[in-house]
Amino acid sequence: MAVFTSAGAKVLLIKAPPATFDAAGYTALKATAIEVGEVSDLGDTPSRVYDVVPWRNISNRGESKAKGGYTLGSQTITVGIDPDDAGQDLVDAATEDDDPYSVIISHPRLGDICSRALVMGGPKSYGDVNTVATRQITLEHTIVSQDEDGLVYIPPA
């Protein structure tokens, strides 16, 4: 059994969508990505989470359930504030932009998780004399069309 920490993982942000929503499209896009620096916590990475649709038949009182729609979820990333970091500058620009950005969570041993997300911004905490000034950045992962969600996993090379 092998388990891994998040050591070596990176958050990459790109304004443009990939040419295709598959491994090839995101791999090509990765060359233009800007890394968000000083990430200390990745939060929950995107994944399909389905809604439960309950139905109660009055003749037998029992509840049956079905899978309904799904969300790709939210992700809150913690970064140490660095005013000279190009990735954090892009986060600021993306926060003011209504369009989704391409996000690649790249792990050296676990591969890449790629998606499109709205960058929602987040609060800053300057803490005290013994803490690093941080920022919580929220990403709202979103589908790319009615036919595909754009969530792609690329295994490690």
N, C-alpha and C. Protein backbone atom coordinates (compact mmCIF):
# COMPACT_ATOMS: atom_id res chain seq x y z
N MET A 1 0.85 -1.18 0.00
CA MET A 1 0.00 0.00 0.00
C MET A 1 0.89 1.23 0.00
N ALA A 2 0.53 2.18 -0.82
CA ALA A 2 1.26 3.45 -0.88
C ALA A 2 0.30 4.60 -0.65
N VAL A 3 0.70 5.50 0.20
CA VAL A 3 -0.05 6.72 0.42
C VAL A 3 0.90 7.89 0.23
N PHE A 4 0.34 9.05 -0.09
CA PHE A 4 1.16 10.21 -0.42
C PHE A 4 0.65 11.45 0.29
N THR A 5 1.55 12.36 0.58
CA THR A 5 1.16 13.67 1.06
C THR A 5 0.95 14.57 -0.15
N SER A 6 0.60 15.80 0.08
CA SER A 6 0.43 16.75 -1.04
C SER A 6 1.75 17.42 -1.42
N ALA A 7 2.86 17.01 -0.80
CA ALA A 7 4.16 17.62 -1.10
C ALA A 7 4.46 17.56 -2.60
N GLY A 8 4.85 18.68 -3.13
CA GLY A 8 5.19 18.77 -4.55
C GLY A 8 4.02 19.13 -5.45
N ALA A 9 2.82 19.19 -4.89
CA ALA A 9 1.64 19.53 -5.70
C ALA A 9 1.64 21.02 -6.05
N LYS A 10 1.02 21.33 -7.17
CA LYS A 10 0.94 22.71 -7.65
C LYS A 10 -0.48 23.03 -8.09
N VAL A 11 -0.84 24.30 -7.95
CA VAL A 11 -2.10 24.81 -8.49
C VAL A 11 -1.73 25.69 -9.68
N LEU A 12 -2.24 25.32 -10.84
CA LEU A 12 -1.97 26.06 -12.07
C LEU A 12 -3.27 26.68 -12.56
N LEU A 13 -3.18 27.91 -13.03
CA LEU A 13 -4.36 28.66 -13.46
C LEU A 13 -4.11 29.22 -14.86
N ILE A 14 -5.14 29.11 -15.70
CA ILE A 14 -5.05 29.59 -17.08
C ILE A 14 -6.39 30.22 -17.43
N LYS A 15 -6.37 31.41 -18.03
CA LYS A 15 -7.62 32.07 -18.40
C LYS A 15 -8.35 31.31 -19.49
N ALA A 16 -7.63 30.78 -20.45
CA ALA A 16 -8.24 30.14 -21.62
C ALA A 16 -8.74 28.73 -21.32
N PRO A 17 -9.75 28.29 -22.06
CA PRO A 17 -10.15 26.88 -21.97
C PRO A 17 -9.21 26.04 -22.84
N PRO A 18 -9.14 24.74 -22.60
CA PRO A 18 -8.36 23.89 -23.49
C PRO A 18 -9.06 23.77 -24.84
N ALA A 19 -8.32 23.42 -25.87
CA ALA A 19 -8.92 23.23 -27.20
C ALA A 19 -9.92 22.07 -27.17
N THR A 20 -9.61 21.04 -26.40
CA THR A 20 -10.51 19.91 -26.20
C THR A 20 -10.51 19.57 -24.72
N PHE A 21 -11.65 19.12 -24.23
CA PHE A 21 -11.76 18.80 -22.81
C PHE A 21 -11.41 17.34 -22.57
N ASP A 22 -10.11 17.06 -22.79
CA ASP A 22 -9.55 15.73 -22.56
C ASP A 22 -8.10 15.89 -22.15
N ALA A 23 -7.40 14.78 -21.96
CA ALA A 23 -6.01 14.84 -21.50
C ALA A 23 -5.14 15.63 -22.47
N ALA A 24 -5.32 15.44 -23.76
CA ALA A 24 -4.50 16.16 -24.74
C ALA A 24 -4.73 17.67 -24.66
N GLY A 25 -5.98 18.06 -24.54
CA GLY A 25 -6.30 19.49 -24.47
C GLY A 25 -5.71 20.16 -23.25
N TYR A 26 -5.87 19.54 -22.09
CA TYR A 26 -5.32 20.13 -20.86
C TYR A 26 -3.80 20.04 -20.82
N THR A 27 -3.22 18.98 -21.36
CA THR A 27 -1.75 18.87 -21.40
C THR A 27 -1.16 19.99 -22.23
N ALA A 28 -1.76 20.29 -23.38
CA ALA A 28 -1.29 21.39 -24.22
C ALA A 28 -1.43 22.72 -23.50
N LEU A 29 -2.51 22.89 -22.79
CA LEU A 29 -2.78 24.13 -22.07
C LEU A 29 -1.81 24.33 -20.90
N LYS A 30 -1.34 23.23 -20.34
CA LYS A 30 -0.46 23.30 -19.17
C LYS A 30 0.82 24.09 -19.45
N ALA A 31 1.27 24.10 -20.69
CA ALA A 31 2.48 24.84 -21.06
C ALA A 31 2.32 26.34 -20.87
N THR A 32 1.08 26.85 -20.88
CA THR A 32 0.84 28.29 -20.72
C THR A 32 0.36 28.66 -19.32
N ALA A 33 0.31 27.68 -18.44
CA ALA A 33 -0.25 27.89 -17.11
C ALA A 33 0.65 28.75 -16.23
N ILE A 34 0.01 29.43 -15.31
CA ILE A 34 0.73 30.21 -14.30
C ILE A 34 0.49 29.54 -12.96
N GLU A 35 1.56 29.25 -12.25
CA GLU A 35 1.45 28.62 -10.94
C GLU A 35 1.06 29.64 -9.88
N VAL A 36 0.09 29.27 -9.06
CA VAL A 36 -0.27 30.09 -7.91
C VAL A 36 0.71 29.74 -6.80
N GLY A 37 1.48 30.71 -6.36
CA GLY A 37 2.55 30.46 -5.40
C GLY A 37 2.09 30.44 -3.96
N GLU A 38 2.92 29.84 -3.14
CA GLU A 38 2.76 29.81 -1.67
C GLU A 38 1.51 29.09 -1.21
N VAL A 39 1.09 28.06 -1.95
CA VAL A 39 -0.08 27.26 -1.55
C VAL A 39 0.32 26.37 -0.38
N SER A 40 -0.48 26.41 0.68
CA SER A 40 -0.19 25.55 1.83
C SER A 40 -1.27 24.49 2.06
N ASP A 41 -2.43 24.65 1.42
CA ASP A 41 -3.51 23.67 1.59
C ASP A 41 -4.36 23.69 0.32
N LEU A 42 -4.54 22.51 -0.28
CA LEU A 42 -5.31 22.41 -1.52
C LEU A 42 -6.82 22.30 -1.30
N GLY A 43 -7.24 21.99 -0.10
CA GLY A 43 -8.66 21.79 0.13
C GLY A 43 -9.16 20.56 -0.60
N ASP A 44 -10.44 20.51 -0.89
CA ASP A 44 -11.06 19.37 -1.56
C ASP A 44 -10.98 19.56 -3.07
N THR A 45 -10.38 18.60 -3.76
CA THR A 45 -10.26 18.70 -5.21
C THR A 45 -11.60 18.36 -5.86
N PRO A 46 -11.83 18.83 -7.10
CA PRO A 46 -13.13 18.63 -7.74
C PRO A 46 -13.44 17.16 -8.01
N SER A 47 -14.70 16.84 -7.88
CA SER A 47 -15.19 15.48 -8.12
C SER A 47 -16.70 15.56 -8.27
N ARG A 48 -17.27 14.63 -9.01
CA ARG A 48 -18.72 14.59 -9.11
C ARG A 48 -19.33 14.20 -7.77
N VAL A 49 -20.26 15.01 -7.30
CA VAL A 49 -21.04 14.70 -6.10
C VAL A 49 -22.51 14.82 -6.49
N TYR A 50 -23.21 13.71 -6.42
CA TYR A 50 -24.58 13.66 -6.89
C TYR A 50 -25.57 14.04 -5.80
N ASP A 51 -26.68 14.65 -6.22
CA ASP A 51 -27.80 14.92 -5.32
C ASP A 51 -28.65 13.66 -5.19
N VAL A 52 -29.26 13.51 -4.03
CA VAL A 52 -30.20 12.42 -3.80
C VAL A 52 -31.60 12.93 -4.11
N VAL A 53 -32.34 12.17 -4.89
CA VAL A 53 -33.72 12.52 -5.21
C VAL A 53 -34.63 11.50 -4.52
N PRO A 54 -35.25 11.89 -3.40
CA PRO A 54 -36.13 10.95 -2.70
C PRO A 54 -37.53 10.94 -3.28
N TRP A 55 -38.18 9.79 -3.15
CA TRP A 55 -39.55 9.64 -3.61
C TRP A 55 -40.28 8.76 -2.60
N ARG A 56 -41.40 9.26 -2.08
CA ARG A 56 -42.18 8.49 -1.12
C ARG A 56 -43.53 8.12 -1.75
N ASN A 57 -43.69 6.85 -1.91
CA ASN A 57 -44.94 6.32 -2.43
C ASN A 57 -45.93 6.23 -1.27
N ILE A 58 -47.06 6.89 -1.36
CA ILE A 58 -47.98 6.94 -0.22
C ILE A 58 -48.62 5.59 0.07
N SER A 59 -48.64 4.68 -0.90
CA SER A 59 -49.29 3.39 -0.65
C SER A 59 -48.46 2.49 0.27
N ASN A 60 -47.14 2.65 0.28
CA ASN A 60 -46.35 1.79 1.16
C ASN A 60 -45.47 2.57 2.14
N ARG A 61 -45.51 3.89 2.07
CA ARG A 61 -44.81 4.79 2.98
C ARG A 61 -43.29 4.75 2.83
N GLY A 62 -42.77 3.81 2.13
CA GLY A 62 -41.32 3.68 2.01
C GLY A 62 -40.72 4.71 1.07
N GLU A 63 -39.52 5.05 1.37
CA GLU A 63 -38.82 6.03 0.54
C GLU A 63 -37.84 5.32 -0.37
N SER A 64 -37.92 5.61 -1.64
CA SER A 64 -36.91 5.14 -2.58
C SER A 64 -36.08 6.34 -2.98
N LYS A 65 -34.90 6.07 -3.47
CA LYS A 65 -33.98 7.15 -3.82
C LYS A 65 -33.37 6.91 -5.20
N ALA A 66 -33.08 7.99 -5.86
CA ALA A 66 -32.41 7.94 -7.15
C ALA A 66 -31.30 8.98 -7.16
N LYS A 67 -30.37 8.79 -8.07
CA LYS A 67 -29.33 9.81 -8.27
C LYS A 67 -29.91 10.91 -9.12
N GLY A 68 -29.69 12.13 -8.68
CA GLY A 68 -30.13 13.28 -9.45
C GLY A 68 -28.96 13.94 -10.14
N GLY A 69 -29.02 15.24 -10.24
CA GLY A 69 -27.94 16.00 -10.84
C GLY A 69 -26.71 15.99 -9.96
N TYR A 70 -25.65 16.56 -10.46
CA TYR A 70 -24.42 16.58 -9.68
C TYR A 70 -23.75 17.93 -9.74
N THR A 71 -22.86 18.14 -8.81
CA THR A 71 -22.01 19.31 -8.78
C THR A 71 -20.56 18.83 -8.81
N LEU A 72 -19.67 19.66 -9.30
CA LEU A 72 -18.24 19.35 -9.26
C LEU A 72 -17.61 19.90 -7.98
N GLY A 73 -18.40 20.62 -7.22
CA GLY A 73 -17.97 21.06 -5.91
C GLY A 73 -17.23 22.38 -5.87
N SER A 74 -16.90 22.75 -4.65
CA SER A 74 -16.12 23.95 -4.35
C SER A 74 -14.79 23.51 -3.79
N GLN A 75 -13.80 24.35 -3.96
CA GLN A 75 -12.47 24.07 -3.44
C GLN A 75 -11.94 25.34 -2.82
N THR A 76 -11.49 25.26 -1.59
CA THR A 76 -10.88 26.41 -0.95
C THR A 76 -9.39 26.14 -0.77
N ILE A 77 -8.59 26.98 -1.38
CA ILE A 77 -7.14 26.85 -1.36
C ILE A 77 -6.57 27.92 -0.44
N THR A 78 -5.65 27.53 0.41
CA THR A 78 -4.99 28.48 1.31
C THR A 78 -3.63 28.83 0.74
N VAL A 79 -3.35 30.12 0.64
CA VAL A 79 -2.04 30.58 0.16
C VAL A 79 -1.47 31.59 1.15
N GLY A 80 -0.15 31.61 1.24
CA GLY A 80 0.53 32.67 1.96
C GLY A 80 0.58 33.88 1.03
N ILE A 81 0.15 35.02 1.49
CA ILE A 81 0.05 36.20 0.63
C ILE A 81 1.44 36.64 0.17
N ASP A 82 1.59 36.74 -1.15
CA ASP A 82 2.84 37.19 -1.76
C ASP A 82 2.49 38.22 -2.83
N PRO A 83 2.67 39.52 -2.56
CA PRO A 83 2.29 40.54 -3.53
C PRO A 83 3.11 40.52 -4.82
N ASP A 84 4.20 39.74 -4.85
CA ASP A 84 5.03 39.65 -6.05
C ASP A 84 4.77 38.38 -6.85
N ASP A 85 3.77 37.60 -6.48
CA ASP A 85 3.50 36.33 -7.13
C ASP A 85 2.56 36.51 -8.32
N ALA A 86 3.00 36.11 -9.51
CA ALA A 86 2.19 36.27 -10.72
C ALA A 86 0.91 35.44 -10.65
N GLY A 87 0.97 34.27 -10.03
CA GLY A 87 -0.22 33.44 -9.90
C GLY A 87 -1.27 34.08 -9.02
N GLN A 88 -0.83 34.70 -7.93
CA GLN A 88 -1.79 35.39 -7.06
C GLN A 88 -2.34 36.64 -7.74
N ASP A 89 -1.53 37.28 -8.58
CA ASP A 89 -2.05 38.40 -9.38
C ASP A 89 -3.14 37.92 -10.34
N LEU A 90 -2.94 36.73 -10.93
CA LEU A 90 -3.95 36.17 -11.83
C LEU A 90 -5.22 35.81 -11.05
N VAL A 91 -5.07 35.33 -9.83
CA VAL A 91 -6.24 35.06 -8.98
C VAL A 91 -7.03 36.34 -8.78
N ASP A 92 -6.34 37.46 -8.52
CA ASP A 92 -7.04 38.75 -8.34
C ASP A 92 -7.80 39.14 -9.60
N ALA A 93 -7.17 38.97 -10.77
CA ALA A 93 -7.84 39.30 -12.03
C ALA A 93 -9.02 38.37 -12.27
N ALA A 94 -8.84 37.09 -11.98
CA ALA A 94 -9.90 36.10 -12.20
C ALA A 94 -11.09 36.34 -11.26
N THR A 95 -10.81 36.85 -10.07
CA THR A 95 -11.88 37.15 -9.12
C THR A 95 -12.81 38.21 -9.67
N GLU A 96 -12.27 39.14 -10.42
CA GLU A 96 -13.07 40.22 -11.02
C GLU A 96 -13.70 39.82 -12.35
N ASP A 97 -13.35 38.64 -12.86
CA ASP A 97 -13.82 38.16 -14.16
C ASP A 97 -15.00 37.21 -13.95
N ASP A 98 -16.03 37.34 -14.77
CA ASP A 98 -17.20 36.47 -14.66
C ASP A 98 -17.00 35.13 -15.37
N ASP A 99 -15.95 34.99 -16.16
CA ASP A 99 -15.72 33.77 -16.92
C ASP A 99 -14.95 32.75 -16.10
N PRO A 100 -15.21 31.46 -16.34
CA PRO A 100 -14.41 30.43 -15.67
C PRO A 100 -12.99 30.38 -16.22
N TYR A 101 -12.07 29.90 -15.40
CA TYR A 101 -10.67 29.71 -15.77
C TYR A 101 -10.37 28.21 -15.75
N SER A 102 -9.34 27.81 -16.45
CA SER A 102 -8.88 26.43 -16.38
C SER A 102 -8.01 26.29 -15.15
N VAL A 103 -8.23 25.21 -14.41
CA VAL A 103 -7.48 24.93 -13.19
C VAL A 103 -6.88 23.53 -13.33
N ILE A 104 -5.60 23.43 -13.03
CA ILE A 104 -4.94 22.12 -13.02
C ILE A 104 -4.29 21.95 -11.66
N ILE A 105 -4.74 20.93 -10.93
CA ILE A 105 -4.10 20.55 -9.68
C ILE A 105 -3.13 19.44 -10.06
N SER A 106 -1.84 19.73 -9.98
CA SER A 106 -0.82 18.81 -10.48
C SER A 106 -0.04 18.22 -9.30
N HIS A 107 -0.07 16.91 -9.19
CA HIS A 107 0.64 16.19 -8.14
C HIS A 107 1.68 15.29 -8.78
N PRO A 108 2.92 15.32 -8.30
CA PRO A 108 3.98 14.54 -8.95
C PRO A 108 3.76 13.03 -8.94
N ARG A 109 3.02 12.50 -7.98
CA ARG A 109 2.82 11.05 -7.88
C ARG A 109 1.38 10.63 -8.17
N LEU A 110 0.44 11.56 -8.06
CA LEU A 110 -0.97 11.21 -8.23
C LEU A 110 -1.57 11.71 -9.54
N GLY A 111 -0.83 12.51 -10.30
CA GLY A 111 -1.32 13.00 -11.58
C GLY A 111 -2.00 14.36 -11.47
N ASP A 112 -2.70 14.72 -12.54
CA ASP A 112 -3.35 16.03 -12.65
C ASP A 112 -4.87 15.88 -12.62
N ILE A 113 -5.51 16.80 -11.92
CA ILE A 113 -6.96 16.93 -11.96
C ILE A 113 -7.24 18.28 -12.62
N CYS A 114 -7.94 18.24 -13.74
CA CYS A 114 -8.16 19.44 -14.55
C CYS A 114 -9.65 19.77 -14.62
N SER A 115 -9.96 21.05 -14.57
CA SER A 115 -11.36 21.47 -14.63
C SER A 115 -11.45 22.94 -15.01
N ARG A 116 -12.67 23.39 -15.14
CA ARG A 116 -12.95 24.81 -15.31
C ARG A 116 -13.63 25.28 -14.04
N ALA A 117 -13.25 26.47 -13.58
CA ALA A 117 -13.80 26.97 -12.32
C ALA A 117 -13.94 28.48 -12.34
N LEU A 118 -14.94 28.95 -11.64
CA LEU A 118 -15.07 30.37 -11.35
C LEU A 118 -14.19 30.66 -10.15
N VAL A 119 -13.39 31.70 -10.24
CA VAL A 119 -12.53 32.10 -9.13
C VAL A 119 -13.30 33.14 -8.33
N MET A 120 -13.66 32.78 -7.11
CA MET A 120 -14.56 33.60 -6.31
C MET A 120 -13.84 34.53 -5.34
N GLY A 121 -12.52 34.44 -5.25
CA GLY A 121 -11.79 35.27 -4.29
C GLY A 121 -11.88 34.66 -2.92
N GLY A 122 -11.64 35.46 -1.91
CA GLY A 122 -11.75 34.96 -0.55
C GLY A 122 -11.07 35.88 0.44
N PRO A 123 -11.35 35.64 1.71
CA PRO A 123 -10.85 36.53 2.76
C PRO A 123 -9.35 36.39 2.98
N LYS A 124 -8.78 37.48 3.46
CA LYS A 124 -7.37 37.51 3.85
C LYS A 124 -7.29 37.54 5.36
N SER A 125 -6.26 36.92 5.89
CA SER A 125 -6.04 36.93 7.33
C SER A 125 -4.58 37.28 7.58
N TYR A 126 -4.37 38.40 8.24
CA TYR A 126 -3.00 38.82 8.53
C TYR A 126 -2.49 38.22 9.83
N GLY A 127 -3.38 37.62 10.62
CA GLY A 127 -2.97 36.91 11.83
C GLY A 127 -2.24 37.77 12.84
N ASP A 128 -1.29 37.13 13.50
CA ASP A 128 -0.51 37.84 14.51
C ASP A 128 0.98 37.75 14.17
N VAL A 129 1.81 38.13 15.10
CA VAL A 129 3.24 38.20 14.86
C VAL A 129 3.87 36.83 14.55
N ASN A 130 3.21 35.75 14.95
CA ASN A 130 3.75 34.40 14.76
C ASN A 130 3.01 33.59 13.70
N THR A 131 2.27 34.25 12.83
CA THR A 131 1.59 33.54 11.75
C THR A 131 1.87 34.23 10.41
N VAL A 132 1.76 33.44 9.37
CA VAL A 132 1.92 33.96 8.01
C VAL A 132 0.61 34.59 7.57
N ALA A 133 0.67 35.71 6.91
CA ALA A 133 -0.53 36.32 6.33
C ALA A 133 -1.02 35.40 5.21
N THR A 134 -2.30 35.01 5.29
CA THR A 134 -2.84 34.05 4.34
C THR A 134 -4.09 34.59 3.64
N ARG A 135 -4.48 33.83 2.63
CA ARG A 135 -5.70 34.13 1.89
C ARG A 135 -6.38 32.81 1.57
N GLN A 136 -7.69 32.78 1.70
CA GLN A 136 -8.50 31.63 1.32
C GLN A 136 -9.11 31.93 -0.04
N ILE A 137 -8.75 31.16 -1.05
CA ILE A 137 -9.26 31.36 -2.41
C ILE A 137 -10.28 30.26 -2.71
N THR A 138 -11.49 30.66 -3.05
CA THR A 138 -12.53 29.68 -3.35
C THR A 138 -12.69 29.53 -4.86
N LEU A 139 -12.66 28.29 -5.31
CA LEU A 139 -12.91 27.93 -6.70
C LEU A 139 -14.24 27.19 -6.76
N GLU A 140 -15.11 27.62 -7.64
CA GLU A 140 -16.39 26.93 -7.87
C GLU A 140 -16.27 26.21 -9.21
N HIS A 141 -16.03 24.92 -9.17
CA HIS A 141 -15.85 24.12 -10.38
C HIS A 141 -17.18 24.01 -11.11
N THR A 142 -17.14 24.16 -12.44
CA THR A 142 -18.36 24.23 -13.22
C THR A 142 -18.27 23.37 -14.48
N ILE A 143 -19.41 22.87 -14.94
CA ILE A 143 -19.42 22.11 -16.18
C ILE A 143 -19.10 23.04 -17.35
N VAL A 144 -18.66 22.47 -18.46
CA VAL A 144 -18.28 23.30 -19.61
C VAL A 144 -19.36 23.37 -20.68
N SER A 145 -20.28 22.41 -20.69
CA SER A 145 -21.39 22.44 -21.63
C SER A 145 -22.46 21.47 -21.14
N GLN A 146 -23.57 21.43 -21.84
CA GLN A 146 -24.64 20.49 -21.46
C GLN A 146 -24.25 19.04 -21.76
N ASP A 147 -23.19 18.84 -22.56
CA ASP A 147 -22.78 17.49 -22.95
C ASP A 147 -21.59 16.95 -22.18
N GLU A 148 -20.81 17.82 -21.54
CA GLU A 148 -19.62 17.34 -20.82
C GLU A 148 -19.31 18.27 -19.66
N ASP A 149 -18.71 17.69 -18.63
CA ASP A 149 -18.40 18.51 -17.47
C ASP A 149 -16.99 19.09 -17.52
N GLY A 150 -16.11 18.56 -18.36
CA GLY A 150 -14.76 19.11 -18.50
C GLY A 150 -13.82 18.69 -17.40
N LEU A 151 -14.25 17.83 -16.49
CA LEU A 151 -13.38 17.34 -15.43
C LEU A 151 -12.55 16.19 -15.99
N VAL A 152 -11.23 16.35 -15.96
CA VAL A 152 -10.34 15.38 -16.58
C VAL A 152 -9.25 14.98 -15.59
N TYR A 153 -8.99 13.69 -15.48
CA TYR A 153 -7.88 13.18 -14.68
C TYR A 153 -6.79 12.71 -15.64
N ILE A 154 -5.57 13.16 -15.42
CA ILE A 154 -4.43 12.75 -16.23
C ILE A 154 -3.46 12.00 -15.29
N PRO A 155 -3.28 10.69 -15.52
CA PRO A 155 -2.38 9.92 -14.66
C PRO A 155 -0.96 10.47 -14.72
N PRO A 156 -0.16 10.21 -13.68
CA PRO A 156 1.23 10.68 -13.69
C PRO A 156 2.01 9.99 -14.81
N ALA A 157 2.99 10.69 -15.33
CA ALA A 157 3.79 10.12 -16.44
C ALA A 157 4.71 9.03 -15.96
